[in-house]
Amino acid sequence: MTAGQDAAALYFGTRDELIELVTDLDDSQLASTVPMSPQWSVADTVAHVCGINADVVNQRFEGFGSDEWTAYQVETRRGMSMAAVCEEWLSYTGPLTEHIEGDPFFGVRLTGDLIIHLQDVQHGLGLDINQSHPAALVGADRYVPHLQDRVLERMGFGVAVELTDGAAYPAPDAADGQSLALRATAYDFLRSVTGRRSRRQVENLEWTGDPTAVLDQAWAAYGDLRTEDVSA
């Protein structure tokens, strides 16, 4: 099995988990707010992750990742039944598999995004979250290098990250030799670096060194950290 097939299998397995979850929800649950994603409903969140597939397959990359790009994914599926959105999402399996096999790291990016939204939906619905989900390790493999690059570019020093349930990422070489280290589970790292935790919660992770400057200037991948603690 190739790396691309591994990435595709994990992505589609995570997709199927979310589809199974939402298929059993009633209309009020589908309309309930997912506070972390970003104040979308459950139905909106599924429309977004389905829409990513549609945009990849149809090569609609203008504005990739922007608020306008994601809003389009949600709005174009407004009024569709959840069954129809899930059916559309499943229809992209073949072409998306080919895309991931040609670019395995794209599968890593898709899986990292999807596990965050799956856990957002579970949190919004008050459901248990599998904090040891294998997709969280894949998501961290996307976000750790991006964090290290941001800190090195903006601040000129390296951050080492050790995932207690996964890989260790040494600090990149820095001209002044300064470095910072973080030790966390993949789940805690992902929830923190993608803005799903408060600043206090991130400060209370296991740091070696003072993270204040990094949290001020280079931490969050998407906007500011939250001001109130989050339970998931």
Protein backbone atom coordinates (compact mmCIF):
# COMPACT_ATOMS: atom_id res chain seq x y z
CA MET A 1 0.00 0.00 0.00
CA THR A 2 1.38 3.42 -0.92
CA ALA A 3 1.61 6.46 1.37
CA GLY A 4 -1.12 8.04 -0.71
CA GLN A 5 -3.41 5.07 -0.16
CA ASP A 6 -2.72 5.22 3.59
CA ALA A 7 -3.63 8.91 3.66
CA ALA A 8 -6.75 8.32 1.58
CA ALA A 9 -7.89 5.42 3.78
CA LEU A 10 -7.58 7.49 6.95
CA TYR A 11 -9.34 10.46 5.40
CA PHE A 12 -12.25 8.40 4.12
CA GLY A 13 -12.53 6.47 7.38
CA THR A 14 -12.82 9.75 9.27
CA ARG A 15 -15.32 11.01 6.70
CA ASP A 16 -17.45 7.92 7.23
CA GLU A 17 -17.42 8.51 11.00
CA LEU A 18 -18.84 11.98 10.52
CA ILE A 19 -21.41 10.79 7.99
CA GLU A 20 -22.55 8.03 10.37
CA LEU A 21 -22.85 10.56 13.19
CA VAL A 22 -24.93 13.14 11.29
CA THR A 23 -27.16 10.59 9.57
CA ASP A 24 -28.78 9.81 12.91
CA LEU A 25 -29.41 13.46 13.91
CA ASP A 26 -32.80 15.15 13.79
CA ASP A 27 -33.40 18.58 12.25
CA SER A 28 -32.92 20.46 15.51
CA GLN A 29 -29.57 18.79 16.11
CA LEU A 30 -28.44 19.50 12.55
CA ALA A 31 -29.36 23.15 13.09
CA SER A 32 -27.54 23.39 16.43
CA THR A 33 -24.47 25.60 16.65
CA VAL A 34 -20.93 24.27 16.44
CA PRO A 35 -19.15 26.98 18.48
CA MET A 36 -15.66 26.12 17.24
CA SER A 37 -16.40 25.87 13.53
CA PRO A 38 -16.85 29.02 13.43
CA GLN A 39 -20.37 29.37 14.87
CA TRP A 40 -21.66 27.27 11.95
CA SER A 41 -24.46 24.77 12.46
CA VAL A 42 -23.75 21.05 12.28
CA ALA A 43 -25.24 21.04 8.76
CA ASP A 44 -23.02 23.98 7.75
CA THR A 45 -19.92 22.19 9.00
CA VAL A 46 -20.70 19.11 6.94
CA ALA A 47 -21.40 21.33 3.92
CA HIS A 48 -17.93 22.85 4.34
CA VAL A 49 -16.03 19.55 4.47
CA CYS A 50 -18.05 18.21 1.53
CA GLY A 51 -17.40 21.44 -0.36
CA ILE A 52 -13.65 21.07 0.04
CA ASN A 53 -13.89 17.79 -1.88
CA ALA A 54 -15.98 19.43 -4.59
CA ASP A 55 -13.53 22.31 -4.96
CA VAL A 56 -10.51 20.00 -5.14
CA VAL A 57 -12.11 17.74 -7.73
CA ASN A 58 -13.32 20.72 -9.78
CA GLN A 59 -10.05 22.64 -9.25
CA ARG A 60 -11.71 25.66 -7.69
CA PHE A 61 -8.68 26.95 -5.82
CA GLU A 62 -9.13 30.71 -6.08
CA GLY A 63 -9.15 32.07 -2.55
CA PHE A 64 -8.21 28.63 -1.16
CA GLY A 65 -8.69 28.61 2.61
CA SER A 66 -10.16 32.12 2.83
CA ASP A 67 -13.38 32.99 4.64
CA GLU A 68 -15.02 33.68 1.28
CA TRP A 69 -13.96 30.27 -0.08
CA THR A 70 -15.39 28.38 2.88
CA ALA A 71 -18.55 30.51 2.97
CA TYR A 72 -19.23 29.59 -0.66
CA GLN A 73 -19.06 25.90 0.23
CA VAL A 74 -21.66 26.39 2.94
CA GLU A 75 -24.00 28.70 1.05
CA THR A 76 -24.15 26.59 -2.12
CA ARG A 77 -25.47 23.68 -0.03
CA ARG A 78 -27.93 25.73 1.99
CA GLY A 79 -31.33 24.03 1.88
CA MET A 80 -29.97 20.65 0.77
CA SER A 81 -30.95 17.70 2.91
CA MET A 82 -28.20 16.11 4.98
CA ALA A 83 -28.69 12.90 3.00
CA ALA A 84 -28.05 14.79 -0.24
CA VAL A 85 -24.90 16.47 1.11
CA CYS A 86 -23.54 13.15 2.34
CA GLU A 87 -24.35 11.50 -0.98
CA GLU A 88 -22.49 14.26 -2.80
CA TRP A 89 -19.52 13.90 -0.44
CA LEU A 90 -19.36 10.14 -1.06
CA SER A 91 -19.49 10.73 -4.83
CA TYR A 92 -16.02 12.31 -4.75
CA THR A 93 -14.30 9.18 -3.40
CA GLY A 94 -12.80 8.02 -6.69
CA PRO A 95 -11.34 11.28 -8.02
CA LEU A 96 -10.20 12.37 -4.57
CA THR A 97 -8.40 9.06 -4.03
CA GLU A 98 -6.46 9.67 -7.25
CA HIS A 99 -5.63 13.20 -6.11
CA ILE A 100 -4.32 12.03 -2.73
CA GLU A 101 -2.30 9.19 -4.24
CA GLY A 102 -0.63 11.75 -6.50
CA ASP A 103 0.02 14.11 -3.56
CA PRO A 104 0.00 12.23 -0.21
CA PHE A 105 0.61 15.39 1.82
CA PHE A 106 -2.62 16.80 0.43
CA GLY A 107 -4.30 13.83 2.10
CA VAL A 108 -2.57 14.84 5.34
CA ARG A 109 -3.97 18.36 4.99
CA LEU A 110 -7.48 17.10 4.29
CA THR A 111 -7.37 14.65 7.20
CA GLY A 112 -6.04 17.30 9.58
CA ASP A 113 -8.88 19.63 8.67
CA LEU A 114 -11.53 16.92 8.86
CA ILE A 115 -10.59 15.55 12.28
CA ILE A 116 -10.78 19.06 13.72
CA HIS A 117 -14.28 19.53 12.34
CA LEU A 118 -15.42 16.05 13.42
CA GLN A 119 -14.33 16.85 16.96
CA ASP A 120 -15.92 20.31 16.73
CA VAL A 121 -19.25 18.67 15.89
CA GLN A 122 -18.88 16.15 18.71
CA HIS A 123 -18.08 19.00 21.12
CA GLY A 124 -21.01 21.07 19.90
CA LEU A 125 -23.40 18.15 20.41
CA GLY A 126 -21.99 17.26 23.82
CA LEU A 127 -20.72 13.88 22.64
CA ASP A 128 -17.64 11.99 23.77
CA ILE A 129 -14.50 12.73 21.74
CA ASN A 130 -11.90 10.11 20.96
CA GLN A 131 -8.78 12.00 21.98
CA SER A 132 -6.58 9.16 20.66
CA HIS A 133 -8.03 9.23 17.15
CA PRO A 134 -5.26 8.31 14.65
CA ALA A 135 -6.28 11.22 12.44
CA ALA A 136 -5.16 13.62 15.18
CA LEU A 137 -1.57 12.42 14.71
CA VAL A 138 -1.88 13.07 10.98
CA GLY A 139 -3.33 16.51 11.68
CA ALA A 140 -0.42 17.31 13.96
CA ASP A 141 1.96 16.26 11.19
CA ARG A 142 0.46 19.09 9.19
CA TYR A 143 0.30 21.78 11.87
CA VAL A 144 3.56 21.26 13.78
CA PRO A 145 5.84 22.16 10.82
CA HIS A 146 3.64 25.16 10.01
CA LEU A 147 3.99 26.40 13.59
CA GLN A 148 7.74 25.89 13.51
CA ASP A 149 8.00 27.79 10.23
CA ARG A 150 5.90 30.70 11.55
CA VAL A 151 7.96 31.05 14.71
CA LEU A 152 11.27 30.84 12.85
CA GLU A 153 10.16 33.35 10.22
CA ARG A 154 8.57 35.88 12.58
CA MET A 155 10.75 35.51 15.65
CA GLY A 156 14.02 33.98 14.50
CA PHE A 157 14.14 30.98 16.83
CA GLY A 158 13.03 27.38 16.90
CA VAL A 159 10.23 25.53 18.68
CA ALA A 160 10.60 21.83 19.43
CA VAL A 161 7.37 19.84 19.74
CA GLU A 162 7.10 16.39 21.29
CA LEU A 163 3.80 14.60 20.90
CA THR A 164 3.45 12.24 23.85
CA ASP A 165 1.42 9.85 21.69
CA GLY A 166 3.31 10.41 18.46
CA ALA A 167 6.39 11.90 16.88
CA ALA A 168 9.02 14.34 18.13
CA TYR A 169 9.78 17.39 16.00
CA PRO A 170 13.18 18.94 16.81
CA ALA A 171 13.47 22.70 16.80
CA PRO A 172 14.69 24.09 13.45
CA ASP A 173 18.15 25.63 13.55
CA ALA A 174 18.06 29.31 14.48
CA ALA A 175 20.78 31.90 14.09
CA ASP A 176 20.78 32.88 17.77
CA GLY A 177 20.46 29.32 19.05
CA GLN A 178 17.39 30.22 21.14
CA SER A 179 14.64 27.63 21.33
CA LEU A 180 11.39 26.76 23.05
CA ALA A 181 9.91 23.31 23.63
CA LEU A 182 6.36 22.01 23.98
CA ARG A 183 5.21 18.57 25.10
CA ALA A 184 1.56 17.64 24.52
CA THR A 185 -0.76 15.01 23.12
CA ALA A 186 -1.64 15.35 19.45
CA TYR A 187 -5.22 16.14 20.47
CA ASP A 188 -4.25 18.95 22.86
CA PHE A 189 -1.79 20.37 20.34
CA LEU A 190 -4.36 20.43 17.51
CA ARG A 191 -7.12 21.93 19.63
CA SER A 192 -4.70 24.59 20.84
CA VAL A 193 -2.91 25.59 17.65
CA THR A 194 -6.16 25.85 15.67
CA GLY A 195 -7.70 28.29 18.17
CA ARG A 196 -10.00 25.87 19.99
CA ARG A 197 -8.50 26.63 23.41
CA SER A 198 -8.06 29.71 25.58
CA ARG A 199 -4.75 31.45 26.04
CA ARG A 200 -4.67 30.30 29.66
CA GLN A 201 -5.12 26.69 28.57
CA VAL A 202 -2.29 26.96 26.05
CA GLU A 203 -0.02 28.62 28.61
CA ASN A 204 -0.72 25.68 30.94
CA LEU A 205 0.57 23.10 28.47
CA GLU A 206 3.94 21.55 29.26
CA TRP A 207 6.44 24.18 28.07
CA THR A 208 10.19 24.36 28.48
CA GLY A 209 10.89 28.07 28.29
CA ASP A 210 8.55 31.06 28.28
CA PRO A 211 5.95 30.85 25.47
CA THR A 212 4.59 34.39 25.95
CA ALA A 213 6.19 35.95 22.88
CA VAL A 214 5.22 33.02 20.66
CA LEU A 215 1.60 33.13 21.86
CA ASP A 216 1.57 36.88 21.19
CA GLN A 217 3.05 36.76 17.71
CA ALA A 218 3.03 33.36 16.04
CA TRP A 219 0.95 30.71 17.77
CA ALA A 220 -2.56 30.45 16.40
CA ALA A 221 -3.06 29.18 12.87
CA TYR A 222 -6.52 30.79 12.67
CA GLY A 223 -7.05 34.05 14.49
CA ASP A 224 -6.65 34.82 18.16
CA LEU A 225 -6.81 32.38 21.04
CA ARG A 226 -10.07 32.31 22.98
CA THR A 227 -10.53 34.32 26.14
CA GLU A 228 -12.58 31.69 27.99
CA ASP A 229 -11.56 28.11 28.72
CA VAL A 230 -13.01 25.42 26.45
CA SER A 231 -14.01 21.95 27.61
CA ALA A 232 -12.80 20.11 24.51
